[in-house]
N, C-alpha and C. Protein backbone atom coordinates (compact mmCIF):
# COMPACT_ATOMS: atom_id res chain seq x y z
N MET A 1 0.63 -1.50 -0.25
CA MET A 1 -0.48 -0.21 0.07
C MET A 1 1.51 1.31 -0.09
N ASN A 2 0.53 2.43 -1.04
CA ASN A 2 1.07 3.47 -0.84
C ASN A 2 1.29 4.61 -0.41
N ALA A 3 -0.15 4.38 0.43
CA ALA A 3 -0.24 5.44 1.60
C ALA A 3 0.76 6.10 2.50
N ARG A 4 0.88 7.39 2.42
CA ARG A 4 2.40 8.10 3.34
C ARG A 4 1.78 8.25 4.68
N PRO A 5 2.09 8.01 6.08
CA PRO A 5 1.94 7.90 6.98
C PRO A 5 0.99 9.59 7.46
N ARG A 6 0.29 9.62 8.43
CA ARG A 6 -0.76 10.51 8.72
C ARG A 6 -0.08 11.85 9.02
N ALA A 7 1.29 11.57 10.03
CA ALA A 7 1.71 12.88 9.70
C ALA A 7 2.34 13.47 8.71
N ALA A 8 2.82 13.13 7.60
CA ALA A 8 3.66 13.53 6.42
C ALA A 8 2.00 14.58 5.86
N LEU A 9 0.97 14.03 5.59
CA LEU A 9 0.00 14.59 5.58
C LEU A 9 -1.35 15.33 5.93
N GLY A 10 -1.50 15.43 7.37
CA GLY A 10 -2.00 16.72 7.80
C GLY A 10 -1.69 17.50 7.14
N ARG A 11 -3.21 19.00 7.34
CA ARG A 11 -2.56 20.11 7.28
C ARG A 11 -3.85 20.38 7.70
N GLY A 12 -3.78 21.85 7.68
CA GLY A 12 -4.95 22.40 7.87
C GLY A 12 -5.39 22.29 9.62
N SER A 13 -6.94 22.71 9.91
CA SER A 13 -7.39 22.45 11.58
C SER A 13 -6.94 21.37 11.98
N THR A 14 -6.87 21.50 13.57
CA THR A 14 -6.47 20.37 14.35
C THR A 14 -7.35 19.89 14.96
N TYR A 15 -7.57 18.93 15.29
CA TYR A 15 -8.79 18.28 17.02
C TYR A 15 -8.26 17.53 17.87
N GLY A 16 -8.72 17.49 18.65
CA GLY A 16 -8.41 16.68 20.11
C GLY A 16 -6.94 16.93 20.65
N GLY A 17 -6.36 15.98 20.17
CA GLY A 17 -5.24 16.35 21.21
C GLY A 17 -4.04 17.10 19.90
N GLY A 18 -4.41 17.54 19.06
CA GLY A 18 -4.09 18.59 17.79
C GLY A 18 -3.74 17.94 16.74
N MET A 19 -4.32 16.84 16.75
CA MET A 19 -3.99 15.70 15.28
C MET A 19 -4.68 16.49 14.49
N PRO A 20 -4.04 16.45 13.19
CA PRO A 20 -5.28 17.30 11.97
C PRO A 20 -6.15 16.15 11.47
N PRO A 21 -6.98 16.56 10.94
CA PRO A 21 -8.06 15.31 10.56
C PRO A 21 -7.61 14.71 9.47
N LEU A 22 -8.31 13.21 9.36
CA LEU A 22 -7.82 12.08 8.48
C LEU A 22 -8.34 12.58 6.94
N ARG A 23 -7.78 12.94 6.22
CA ARG A 23 -8.15 13.40 4.86
C ARG A 23 -8.81 12.38 3.75
N VAL A 24 -10.17 12.33 3.90
CA VAL A 24 -11.15 10.86 3.48
C VAL A 24 -11.24 11.87 2.25
N ALA A 25 -11.62 10.62 0.74
CA ALA A 25 -11.83 10.69 -0.69
C ALA A 25 -12.87 9.72 -0.31
N VAL A 26 -14.55 10.39 -1.38
CA VAL A 26 -15.51 9.26 -1.03
C VAL A 26 -15.34 8.83 -2.33
N ALA A 27 -15.43 7.53 -2.40
CA ALA A 27 -15.20 6.81 -4.24
C ALA A 27 -16.99 6.26 -4.12
N SER A 28 -17.31 6.38 -5.14
CA SER A 28 -18.43 5.59 -6.07
C SER A 28 -19.31 5.78 -7.53
N GLU A 29 -19.95 5.28 -7.54
CA GLU A 29 -20.15 5.49 -9.04
C GLU A 29 -21.59 6.71 -9.05
N ASP A 30 -22.30 6.51 -8.50
CA ASP A 30 -23.20 7.78 -8.07
C ASP A 30 -23.06 8.70 -7.15
N PRO A 31 -23.37 9.88 -8.15
CA PRO A 31 -22.68 11.54 -7.52
C PRO A 31 -23.16 11.58 -6.41
N LEU A 32 -25.05 10.42 -6.26
CA LEU A 32 -25.58 11.46 -5.03
C LEU A 32 -24.63 10.29 -3.51
N THR A 33 -24.93 9.15 -4.05
CA THR A 33 -24.09 8.94 -2.41
C THR A 33 -22.96 9.08 -2.45
N ARG A 34 -21.88 9.82 -3.29
CA ARG A 34 -20.95 10.55 -3.17
C ARG A 34 -21.06 12.02 -2.03
N SER A 35 -22.07 12.29 -2.64
CA SER A 35 -22.33 13.79 -2.06
C SER A 35 -23.31 13.82 -0.50
N GLY A 36 -24.42 12.30 -0.86
CA GLY A 36 -24.49 12.06 0.80
C GLY A 36 -23.62 11.27 1.54
N LEU A 37 -22.73 11.05 1.32
CA LEU A 37 -21.44 10.07 2.19
C LEU A 37 -20.59 11.58 2.80
N SER A 38 -20.51 12.56 1.64
CA SER A 38 -19.63 13.42 2.30
C SER A 38 -20.58 14.45 3.21
N ALA A 39 -21.85 14.69 3.00
CA ALA A 39 -22.99 15.73 3.95
C ALA A 39 -22.66 14.88 5.03
N LEU A 40 -23.00 13.46 5.31
CA LEU A 40 -22.95 12.55 6.65
C LEU A 40 -21.48 13.25 7.30
N LEU A 41 -20.44 13.24 6.98
CA LEU A 41 -19.27 13.11 7.15
C LEU A 41 -18.62 14.80 7.69
N ALA A 42 -19.46 15.69 7.03
CA ALA A 42 -19.32 17.20 7.18
C ALA A 42 -18.86 17.82 8.56
N GLY A 43 -19.78 17.07 9.80
CA GLY A 43 -19.43 17.72 11.15
C GLY A 43 -18.67 17.29 11.61
N ARG A 44 -17.92 16.17 11.51
CA ARG A 44 -16.58 16.08 12.25
C ARG A 44 -15.00 16.40 11.96
N GLU A 45 -15.08 16.30 13.32
CA GLU A 45 -14.11 16.80 13.72
C GLU A 45 -12.18 16.36 13.25
N GLU A 46 -12.84 14.92 13.58
CA GLU A 46 -11.57 14.01 12.97
C GLU A 46 -11.29 13.90 11.68
N VAL A 47 -11.95 14.13 10.98
CA VAL A 47 -12.30 13.63 9.52
C VAL A 47 -12.53 14.36 8.67
N ALA A 48 -11.84 15.07 7.53
CA ALA A 48 -12.22 16.07 6.47
C ALA A 48 -12.45 15.48 5.09
N VAL A 49 -13.47 15.77 4.18
CA VAL A 49 -14.10 15.20 3.35
C VAL A 49 -12.98 15.88 2.12
N VAL A 50 -12.04 15.39 1.40
CA VAL A 50 -11.16 16.54 0.09
C VAL A 50 -12.23 16.03 -0.87
N GLY A 51 -12.82 15.24 -1.17
CA GLY A 51 -13.67 15.00 -2.37
C GLY A 51 -13.86 13.91 -2.80
N GLY A 52 -14.53 14.01 -3.79
CA GLY A 52 -14.96 12.79 -4.38
C GLY A 52 -14.66 12.18 -5.76
N ALA A 53 -15.50 11.03 -6.37
CA ALA A 53 -15.17 10.79 -7.47
C ALA A 53 -15.43 9.27 -8.35
N SER A 54 -15.54 8.99 -9.37
CA SER A 54 -15.56 7.30 -9.39
C SER A 54 -14.60 6.69 -8.97
N PRO A 55 -14.72 5.28 -9.13
CA PRO A 55 -13.63 4.23 -8.03
C PRO A 55 -12.62 4.43 -9.49
N SER A 56 -13.10 4.33 -10.64
CA SER A 56 -12.28 4.20 -11.85
C SER A 56 -11.13 5.49 -12.03
N ASP A 57 -11.73 6.42 -11.84
CA ASP A 57 -10.84 7.90 -11.97
C ASP A 57 -9.64 8.20 -10.71
N LEU A 58 -9.00 6.75 -10.86
CA LEU A 58 -7.86 6.90 -9.90
C LEU A 58 -7.03 8.05 -9.57
N PRO A 59 -6.41 8.82 -10.99
CA PRO A 59 -6.06 10.02 -11.25
C PRO A 59 -6.56 10.94 -10.72
N GLY A 60 -8.11 10.67 -10.50
CA GLY A 60 -8.49 12.34 -9.86
C GLY A 60 -8.71 11.72 -8.14
N LEU A 61 -8.87 10.70 -7.94
CA LEU A 61 -8.78 10.27 -6.21
C LEU A 61 -7.28 10.40 -5.46
N ARG A 62 -5.93 10.13 -6.55
CA ARG A 62 -4.62 10.27 -6.21
C ARG A 62 -4.61 11.52 -5.96
N ALA A 63 -5.43 12.66 -7.27
CA ALA A 63 -4.94 14.19 -6.83
C ALA A 63 -5.53 14.73 -5.57
N LEU A 64 -6.24 14.25 -5.20
CA LEU A 64 -7.17 14.63 -3.69
C LEU A 64 -6.27 14.54 -2.28
N GLU A 65 -4.89 13.56 -2.68
CA GLU A 65 -3.99 13.51 -1.47
C GLU A 65 -4.92 12.83 -0.04
N ALA A 66 -5.85 12.15 -0.22
CA ALA A 66 -6.47 11.70 0.81
C ALA A 66 -5.56 10.50 1.37
N GLU A 67 -5.76 10.28 3.14
CA GLU A 67 -5.40 9.61 3.51
C GLU A 67 -6.24 8.02 4.10
N ALA A 68 -7.22 8.15 3.25
CA ALA A 68 -8.11 6.86 3.34
C ALA A 68 -9.41 6.71 2.41
N VAL A 69 -9.79 5.71 1.63
CA VAL A 69 -11.43 6.20 1.19
C VAL A 69 -12.42 5.28 1.70
N LEU A 70 -13.64 6.04 1.25
CA LEU A 70 -14.76 5.58 2.03
C LEU A 70 -15.69 4.97 0.27
N PHE A 71 -16.00 4.04 0.19
CA PHE A 71 -15.95 3.25 -0.79
C PHE A 71 -17.13 2.38 -0.98
N ASP A 72 -18.01 3.17 -1.78
CA ASP A 72 -19.63 2.44 -2.29
C ASP A 72 -19.41 0.89 -2.91
N ALA A 73 -19.11 -0.14 -2.05
CA ALA A 73 -19.17 -1.50 -2.71
C ALA A 73 -19.57 -1.87 -3.39
N LEU A 74 -21.02 -1.24 -4.21
CA LEU A 74 -22.11 -1.41 -5.57
C LEU A 74 -21.33 -1.48 -6.76
N SER A 75 -19.97 0.08 -6.24
CA SER A 75 -18.95 -0.64 -7.27
C SER A 75 -18.67 -1.59 -8.19
N GLY A 76 -18.30 -2.47 -7.24
CA GLY A 76 -18.14 -3.84 -7.78
C GLY A 76 -16.42 -4.23 -7.26
N PRO A 77 -16.13 -5.40 -6.60
CA PRO A 77 -14.67 -5.51 -6.40
C PRO A 77 -13.44 -5.10 -7.23
N GLY A 78 -13.91 -5.45 -8.58
CA GLY A 78 -12.38 -4.63 -9.42
C GLY A 78 -12.06 -3.49 -9.22
N ALA A 79 -12.67 -2.21 -8.86
CA ALA A 79 -12.18 -1.03 -8.80
C ALA A 79 -11.92 -1.36 -7.34
N LEU A 80 -12.63 -1.52 -6.44
CA LEU A 80 -11.66 -1.91 -5.50
C LEU A 80 -10.53 -2.77 -4.90
N ARG A 81 -10.42 -3.14 -5.69
CA ARG A 81 -8.86 -3.97 -5.87
C ARG A 81 -8.09 -3.36 -6.51
N GLU A 82 -8.34 -2.12 -7.32
CA GLU A 82 -6.98 -1.33 -7.69
C GLU A 82 -7.18 0.27 -6.45
N LEU A 83 -8.36 0.55 -6.22
CA LEU A 83 -7.95 1.38 -5.23
C LEU A 83 -7.32 0.95 -4.24
N ALA A 84 -7.50 -0.19 -3.73
CA ALA A 84 -7.03 -0.72 -2.53
C ALA A 84 -5.40 -0.57 -2.40
N ASP A 85 -4.79 -1.23 -3.53
CA ASP A 85 -3.04 -0.77 -4.05
C ASP A 85 -2.75 0.15 -3.46
N LEU A 86 -3.38 1.26 -3.40
CA LEU A 86 -3.37 2.90 -3.22
C LEU A 86 -3.44 3.46 -1.96
N PHE A 87 -4.64 3.28 -1.36
CA PHE A 87 -5.16 3.64 -0.33
C PHE A 87 -5.43 2.24 0.88
N PRO A 88 -5.87 2.63 2.26
CA PRO A 88 -6.62 2.04 3.08
C PRO A 88 -8.26 2.60 2.67
N VAL A 89 -8.80 1.20 2.52
CA VAL A 89 -10.42 1.55 1.93
C VAL A 89 -10.88 0.80 2.62
N VAL A 90 -12.22 1.72 3.56
CA VAL A 90 -13.39 1.43 4.17
C VAL A 90 -14.68 1.23 3.31
N ALA A 91 -14.95 -0.17 3.37
CA ALA A 91 -16.24 -0.64 1.99
C ALA A 91 -17.65 -0.20 2.78
N LEU A 92 -18.65 0.13 1.93
CA LEU A 92 -19.72 0.11 2.45
C LEU A 92 -20.54 -0.92 2.02
N VAL A 93 -20.73 -2.15 2.39
CA VAL A 93 -21.51 -3.01 1.68
C VAL A 93 -22.73 -3.61 2.43
N ALA A 94 -23.73 -4.46 1.83
CA ALA A 94 -25.75 -4.60 1.80
C ALA A 94 -25.51 -5.31 2.35
N GLY A 95 -24.18 -6.21 2.36
CA GLY A 95 -24.60 -7.94 3.31
C GLY A 95 -23.38 -8.81 2.97
N GLU A 96 -23.20 -10.25 3.63
CA GLU A 96 -22.17 -10.84 3.86
C GLU A 96 -21.56 -11.19 2.61
N GLU A 97 -21.89 -11.38 1.25
CA GLU A 97 -21.85 -11.84 -0.22
C GLU A 97 -20.69 -10.70 -0.38
N GLU A 98 -21.37 -9.36 -0.51
CA GLU A 98 -20.40 -8.15 -0.71
C GLU A 98 -19.80 -7.85 0.18
N ALA A 99 -19.50 -8.30 1.61
CA ALA A 99 -18.70 -8.34 2.55
C ALA A 99 -17.47 -9.04 1.94
N ALA A 100 -17.66 -10.68 1.76
CA ALA A 100 -16.41 -11.45 1.55
C ALA A 100 -16.26 -10.55 -0.13
N SER A 101 -16.71 -10.63 -0.90
CA SER A 101 -15.82 -9.77 -2.26
C SER A 101 -15.05 -8.71 -1.52
N ALA A 102 -15.67 -8.20 -0.80
CA ALA A 102 -14.69 -6.76 -0.53
C ALA A 102 -13.77 -7.00 -0.01
N LEU A 103 -13.01 -8.24 1.12
CA LEU A 103 -12.20 -8.10 1.77
C LEU A 103 -11.16 -8.85 1.18
N ARG A 104 -12.03 -10.05 -0.16
CA ARG A 104 -11.14 -10.18 -0.77
C ARG A 104 -9.74 -9.28 -1.73
N ALA A 105 -10.85 -8.49 -2.46
CA ALA A 105 -10.66 -7.32 -2.95
C ALA A 105 -9.68 -6.48 -2.34
N GLY A 106 -9.31 -6.48 -0.92
CA GLY A 106 -8.63 -5.44 -0.18
C GLY A 106 -8.81 -4.59 1.05
N ALA A 107 -10.14 -4.82 1.13
CA ALA A 107 -10.63 -3.60 2.29
C ALA A 107 -10.20 -3.86 3.15
N ARG A 108 -9.83 -2.83 3.93
CA ARG A 108 -9.23 -2.33 5.32
C ARG A 108 -9.99 -3.34 6.34
N SER A 109 -11.89 -2.35 6.11
CA SER A 109 -12.49 -2.40 6.98
C SER A 109 -14.05 -2.58 6.31
N ILE A 110 -14.87 -3.35 6.85
CA ILE A 110 -15.97 -3.52 6.59
C ILE A 110 -17.47 -3.01 7.04
N LEU A 111 -18.30 -1.99 6.26
CA LEU A 111 -19.58 -1.58 7.17
C LEU A 111 -20.70 -1.67 6.39
N PHE A 112 -21.76 -1.85 7.12
CA PHE A 112 -22.82 -1.54 6.10
C PHE A 112 -23.17 -0.19 6.25
N ARG A 113 -23.97 -0.20 4.48
CA ARG A 113 -24.28 0.51 3.82
C ARG A 113 -24.78 2.41 4.59
N ASP A 114 -25.92 1.42 5.89
CA ASP A 114 -26.68 2.26 6.90
C ASP A 114 -25.98 2.66 7.90
N ALA A 115 -24.60 2.97 8.16
CA ALA A 115 -23.60 2.96 9.15
C ALA A 115 -23.49 4.66 9.31
N GLY A 116 -23.93 4.78 10.82
CA GLY A 116 -23.73 6.35 10.88
C GLY A 116 -22.31 7.01 10.75
N ALA A 117 -22.48 8.34 11.30
CA ALA A 117 -21.27 8.89 10.94
C ALA A 117 -19.89 8.59 12.13
N ASP A 118 -20.68 8.04 13.17
CA ASP A 118 -19.64 7.61 14.32
C ASP A 118 -18.80 6.73 13.77
N LYS A 119 -19.46 5.50 13.25
CA LYS A 119 -18.92 4.72 12.91
C LYS A 119 -17.82 4.18 11.74
N LEU A 120 -18.41 5.49 10.76
CA LEU A 120 -17.71 5.79 9.59
C LEU A 120 -16.70 6.35 9.82
N ALA A 121 -16.40 7.31 10.84
CA ALA A 121 -15.35 7.66 11.39
C ALA A 121 -14.48 7.30 11.86
N LEU A 122 -14.76 6.24 12.89
CA LEU A 122 -13.97 5.52 13.79
C LEU A 122 -13.25 4.28 12.49
N ALA A 123 -14.25 3.76 11.63
CA ALA A 123 -13.05 2.87 10.64
C ALA A 123 -12.52 3.48 9.91
N LEU A 124 -12.71 4.68 9.54
CA LEU A 124 -11.39 5.02 8.63
C LEU A 124 -10.14 5.87 9.14
N LEU A 125 -10.29 6.10 10.49
CA LEU A 125 -9.34 6.52 11.47
C LEU A 125 -8.54 5.25 11.68
N SER A 126 -9.47 3.78 11.97
CA SER A 126 -8.18 2.65 12.49
C SER A 126 -8.07 1.91 10.75
N ALA A 127 -8.61 2.56 9.80
CA ALA A 127 -8.02 1.58 8.75
C ALA A 127 -6.92 2.32 7.96
N ALA A 128 -6.65 3.42 8.05
CA ALA A 128 -5.54 4.37 8.03
C ALA A 128 -4.48 4.42 9.06
N ARG A 129 -4.68 3.68 10.13
CA ARG A 129 -3.63 2.84 11.46
C ARG A 129 -3.13 1.33 10.87
N GLY A 130 -3.90 1.24 9.86
CA GLY A 130 -3.60 -0.22 9.25
C GLY A 130 -4.11 -1.26 10.20
N LEU A 131 -5.37 -1.05 10.99
CA LEU A 131 -6.35 -1.99 12.06
C LEU A 131 -7.63 -2.25 10.68
N VAL A 132 -7.66 -3.60 10.96
CA VAL A 132 -9.22 -4.29 10.17
C VAL A 132 -10.11 -3.93 11.25
N THR A 133 -11.82 -3.41 11.03
CA THR A 133 -12.54 -2.77 11.48
C THR A 133 -13.58 -3.82 10.65
N LEU A 134 -14.20 -4.51 11.44
CA LEU A 134 -15.57 -5.10 10.72
C LEU A 134 -16.85 -4.73 11.92
N GLU A 135 -18.12 -4.69 10.92
CA GLU A 135 -19.40 -4.00 11.29
C GLU A 135 -19.68 -5.57 12.15
N GLY A 136 -20.08 -5.41 13.62
CA GLY A 136 -20.41 -5.63 14.49
C GLY A 136 -21.49 -7.42 14.00
N ALA A 137 -22.07 -6.92 13.40
CA ALA A 137 -23.36 -7.74 13.16
C ALA A 137 -22.91 -8.95 11.96
N LEU A 138 -21.44 -8.89 11.58
CA LEU A 138 -20.69 -9.87 10.52
C LEU A 138 -19.79 -11.03 11.38
N ALA A 139 -19.86 -9.93 12.71
CA ALA A 139 -18.80 -11.02 14.21
C ALA A 139 -19.28 -12.64 14.33
N GLY A 140 -20.42 -12.64 14.21
CA GLY A 140 -20.89 -14.26 14.34
C GLY A 140 -20.60 -14.91 13.34
N TRP A 141 -20.65 -14.40 11.26
CA TRP A 141 -20.51 -14.86 9.89
C TRP A 141 -18.48 -15.04 10.66
N LEU A 142 -17.99 -14.55 11.06
CA LEU A 142 -16.63 -14.43 11.14
C LEU A 142 -15.97 -14.98 12.14
N ARG A 143 -16.39 -15.23 13.37
CA ARG A 143 -15.89 -16.59 14.53
C ARG A 143 -16.20 -17.69 14.04
N PRO A 144 -15.70 -18.85 14.21
CA PRO A 144 -16.16 -19.76 14.65
C PRO A 144 -16.55 -20.54 15.84
N ARG A 145 -17.61 -21.36 15.92
CA ARG A 145 -17.85 -22.16 17.28
C ARG A 145 -16.80 -22.09 18.61
N ALA A 146 -15.69 -23.05 17.41
CA ALA A 146 -14.46 -23.76 18.18
C ALA A 146 -13.66 -23.37 17.46
N PRO A 147 -12.25 -23.05 18.09
CA PRO A 147 -10.86 -22.81 17.51
C PRO A 147 -10.68 -24.25 16.60
N ALA A 148 -10.45 -23.54 15.03
CA ALA A 148 -10.06 -24.63 14.45
C ALA A 148 -8.37 -24.78 14.17
N PRO A 149 -7.83 -25.81 13.09
CA PRO A 149 -6.64 -26.15 13.67
C PRO A 149 -6.06 -25.08 12.74
N ALA A 150 -4.75 -24.80 12.86
CA ALA A 150 -3.87 -23.81 13.11
C ALA A 150 -3.37 -23.85 11.48
N GLU A 151 -3.92 -24.57 10.46
CA GLU A 151 -3.81 -24.68 9.33
C GLU A 151 -2.28 -24.79 8.35
N GLY A 152 -1.82 -25.63 10.00
CA GLY A 152 -0.06 -25.69 9.43
C GLY A 152 1.19 -24.62 9.79
N LEU A 153 0.33 -23.70 10.71
CA LEU A 153 1.54 -22.67 10.58
C LEU A 153 2.46 -23.02 11.58
N THR A 154 4.12 -22.36 11.81
CA THR A 154 4.62 -22.74 12.59
C THR A 154 4.11 -22.06 13.71
N PRO A 155 4.85 -21.91 14.78
CA PRO A 155 5.10 -20.87 16.11
C PRO A 155 5.13 -19.45 15.48
N ARG A 156 6.30 -19.76 14.62
CA ARG A 156 6.63 -18.11 14.44
C ARG A 156 5.55 -17.61 13.43
N GLU A 157 5.63 -18.17 13.00
CA GLU A 157 3.65 -17.97 11.62
C GLU A 157 2.75 -17.21 12.34
N LEU A 158 2.58 -18.32 13.66
CA LEU A 158 1.74 -17.07 14.48
C LEU A 158 1.74 -16.60 14.93
N GLU A 159 3.35 -15.92 15.74
CA GLU A 159 3.46 -15.19 15.61
C GLU A 159 3.36 -13.69 15.16
N VAL A 160 4.14 -14.35 13.72
CA VAL A 160 3.71 -12.90 12.81
C VAL A 160 2.53 -12.54 12.71
N LEU A 161 1.41 -13.49 12.69
CA LEU A 161 -0.19 -13.18 12.57
C LEU A 161 -1.11 -12.03 13.38
N SER A 162 -0.07 -12.85 14.70
CA SER A 162 -0.43 -11.89 15.69
C SER A 162 -0.12 -10.86 15.31
N LEU A 163 0.95 -9.83 15.04
CA LEU A 163 1.08 -8.88 14.27
C LEU A 163 0.64 -8.12 13.57
N LEU A 164 0.31 -8.86 12.50
CA LEU A 164 0.02 -8.37 11.12
C LEU A 164 -1.86 -8.11 11.80
N ALA A 165 -2.60 -9.02 12.35
CA ALA A 165 -3.64 -8.51 12.92
C ALA A 165 -3.42 -7.00 13.93
N GLU A 166 -2.74 -6.53 13.88
CA GLU A 166 -2.52 -5.26 15.06
C GLU A 166 -2.13 -4.08 13.88
N GLY A 167 -1.70 -4.78 12.26
CA GLY A 167 -2.20 -3.92 11.64
C GLY A 167 -0.57 -3.37 11.25
N LEU A 168 0.26 -3.77 11.71
CA LEU A 168 2.20 -3.92 12.17
C LEU A 168 2.57 -3.96 9.79
N THR A 169 3.40 -2.96 9.66
CA THR A 169 4.32 -3.60 8.33
C THR A 169 4.93 -4.43 8.77
N ASN A 170 5.50 -5.11 7.39
CA ASN A 170 7.11 -5.74 7.63
C ASN A 170 8.21 -5.41 8.16
N LYS A 171 8.47 -3.89 7.97
CA LYS A 171 9.45 -3.41 8.85
C LYS A 171 9.56 -3.50 10.40
N VAL A 172 8.48 -3.33 10.32
CA VAL A 172 8.10 -2.88 12.09
C VAL A 172 7.63 -4.50 12.59
N ILE A 173 7.32 -5.42 11.65
CA ILE A 173 7.13 -6.62 11.92
C ILE A 173 8.43 -7.49 12.65
N ALA A 174 9.55 -7.02 11.54
CA ALA A 174 11.08 -7.28 11.75
C ALA A 174 11.83 -6.86 12.89
N GLN A 175 11.40 -5.65 12.96
CA GLN A 175 11.68 -4.69 14.61
C GLN A 175 11.63 -5.14 15.35
N ARG A 176 9.92 -6.00 15.87
CA ARG A 176 9.60 -6.75 16.80
C ARG A 176 10.32 -8.03 16.81
N LEU A 177 10.67 -8.66 16.21
CA LEU A 177 10.73 -9.76 15.93
C LEU A 177 12.52 -10.31 16.36
N GLY A 178 13.31 -8.95 15.06
CA GLY A 178 14.29 -8.87 15.43
C GLY A 178 15.19 -9.64 14.50
N THR A 179 14.35 -9.44 13.39
CA THR A 179 14.78 -10.19 11.97
C THR A 179 14.57 -9.35 10.82
N SER A 180 15.16 -10.00 10.03
CA SER A 180 14.97 -8.92 8.60
C SER A 180 14.11 -8.79 8.08
N GLU A 181 13.71 -7.73 7.20
CA GLU A 181 12.32 -6.99 6.60
C GLU A 181 12.30 -8.54 5.41
N ARG A 182 13.32 -8.43 5.19
CA ARG A 182 13.08 -9.91 3.92
C ARG A 182 12.57 -10.59 4.63
N THR A 183 12.94 -11.17 5.60
CA THR A 183 12.57 -12.43 6.65
C THR A 183 10.82 -12.74 7.18
N ALA A 184 10.69 -11.31 7.08
CA ALA A 184 9.21 -11.02 7.72
C ALA A 184 8.39 -11.09 6.58
N LYS A 185 8.93 -10.53 5.44
CA LYS A 185 8.16 -10.94 4.52
C LYS A 185 8.07 -12.42 4.11
N PHE A 186 8.74 -12.90 3.87
CA PHE A 186 8.82 -14.20 3.52
C PHE A 186 7.55 -15.23 4.57
N HIS A 187 7.74 -14.64 6.11
CA HIS A 187 6.98 -15.32 6.67
C HIS A 187 5.22 -15.16 6.14
N VAL A 188 4.82 -13.60 6.04
CA VAL A 188 3.64 -13.06 5.41
C VAL A 188 3.16 -14.09 4.25
N GLU A 189 4.13 -13.73 3.21
CA GLU A 189 3.91 -14.80 2.34
C GLU A 189 3.44 -16.28 2.74
N SER A 190 4.26 -17.04 3.72
CA SER A 190 3.58 -18.19 3.71
C SER A 190 2.17 -18.01 4.34
N ILE A 191 2.02 -17.32 5.32
CA ILE A 191 0.71 -17.07 6.05
C ILE A 191 -0.04 -16.91 4.88
N LEU A 192 -0.10 -15.96 4.14
CA LEU A 192 -0.73 -16.01 2.62
C LEU A 192 -1.80 -17.46 2.23
N GLY A 193 -0.52 -18.13 1.60
CA GLY A 193 -0.25 -19.07 0.85
C GLY A 193 -0.82 -20.12 1.84
N LYS A 194 -0.74 -20.37 2.72
CA LYS A 194 -1.45 -21.14 4.14
C LYS A 194 -2.41 -21.23 4.40
N LEU A 195 -3.04 -19.84 4.57
CA LEU A 195 -4.78 -19.43 4.46
C LEU A 195 -5.32 -19.81 3.37
N GLY A 196 -4.74 -19.39 2.16
CA GLY A 196 -5.41 -19.37 0.86
C GLY A 196 -6.03 -17.98 0.91
N ALA A 197 -5.47 -16.88 1.53
CA ALA A 197 -5.71 -16.00 1.29
C ALA A 197 -5.03 -14.35 0.25
N GLU A 198 -5.54 -13.63 -0.48
CA GLU A 198 -4.90 -13.01 -1.58
C GLU A 198 -4.44 -11.53 -0.96
N ASN A 199 -4.35 -11.52 0.19
CA ASN A 199 -4.08 -9.89 0.96
C ASN A 199 -4.14 -10.28 2.53
N ARG A 200 -3.31 -9.41 3.06
CA ARG A 200 -2.96 -9.45 4.26
C ARG A 200 -4.62 -9.03 4.69
N SER A 201 -5.76 -8.31 4.47
CA SER A 201 -6.95 -7.51 5.26
C SER A 201 -7.47 -8.95 5.02
N GLU A 202 -7.76 -9.69 4.16
CA GLU A 202 -8.52 -11.23 4.13
C GLU A 202 -8.00 -12.46 4.67
N ALA A 203 -6.49 -12.38 4.86
CA ALA A 203 -5.24 -13.19 5.71
C ALA A 203 -5.67 -12.88 7.33
N ILE A 204 -6.18 -11.94 7.76
CA ILE A 204 -6.49 -11.42 9.07
C ILE A 204 -7.81 -12.17 9.20
N VAL A 205 -8.52 -11.50 8.55
CA VAL A 205 -10.13 -12.04 8.34
C VAL A 205 -10.71 -13.56 8.55
N LEU A 206 -10.08 -14.09 7.72
CA LEU A 206 -9.87 -15.58 7.80
C LEU A 206 -9.05 -16.49 8.74
N ALA A 207 -8.34 -15.74 9.57
CA ALA A 207 -7.75 -16.27 10.75
C ALA A 207 -8.62 -15.83 12.02
N ALA A 208 -9.21 -15.15 12.03
CA ALA A 208 -10.14 -14.87 12.92
C ALA A 208 -11.21 -15.72 12.66
N ARG A 209 -11.69 -16.16 11.72
CA ARG A 209 -12.63 -17.01 11.19
C ARG A 209 -12.15 -18.81 12.13
N ARG A 210 -11.06 -18.76 12.03
CA ARG A 210 -10.16 -20.38 12.06
C ARG A 210 -10.23 -19.90 14.02
N GLY A 211 -10.13 -18.83 14.06
CA GLY A 211 -10.13 -18.71 15.87
C GLY A 211 -8.18 -18.74 16.17
N LEU A 212 -7.44 -18.27 14.79
CA LEU A 212 -5.72 -18.28 14.96
C LEU A 212 -5.58 -16.79 15.74
N VAL A 213 -6.36 -15.54 15.45
CA VAL A 213 -6.10 -14.46 16.04
C VAL A 213 -7.54 -14.11 16.58
N THR A 214 -7.85 -13.09 17.17
CA THR A 214 -9.00 -12.16 17.91
C THR A 214 -9.01 -11.20 17.03
N LEU A 215 -10.05 -10.29 16.76
CA LEU A 215 -10.03 -9.12 16.25
C LEU A 215 -10.92 -7.99 17.06
């Protein structure tokens, strides 16, 4: 993911302890949806909507220098996959099927389309910090009734998996474990392969479903 750290992007007024508001872009094919979501977040101090565009307008979205993107899942997983390579994405979905597609496409957080401003702001802030946020109503869908086998993961890979669930980068994971970044990357790729995940976000959710980590 190419999103820069918050400290490098903050500008304008501050809130709370002096942190600048998170710069958020809204991505949807529907102009009315973009306007509605922008209006919903307009009164929040911790986030600032810097604009919106169609998910296919990647140059336009990049020009906004957003730190996170609020994505309308009706636009489809293909558009989301490209966005997730550039930004932390919070996807708004209608149900479990869309949620699963959004996770496979790389969404960092999943909320239902009727989520209020409080939930949206919290999910966006969490996504920008590398954390996975899931709609509470999806908890039963994600959590198994009993812990499942560890999918052949080694003790070290389970340790790396727990650090992934904290939203840490390969570089920080390497520092935590006292190894090289290349070794950390090797462990992450091995975890993705064993869990059958296409990306880190999906790996975390799949691991949660198997009882390997707690979200």
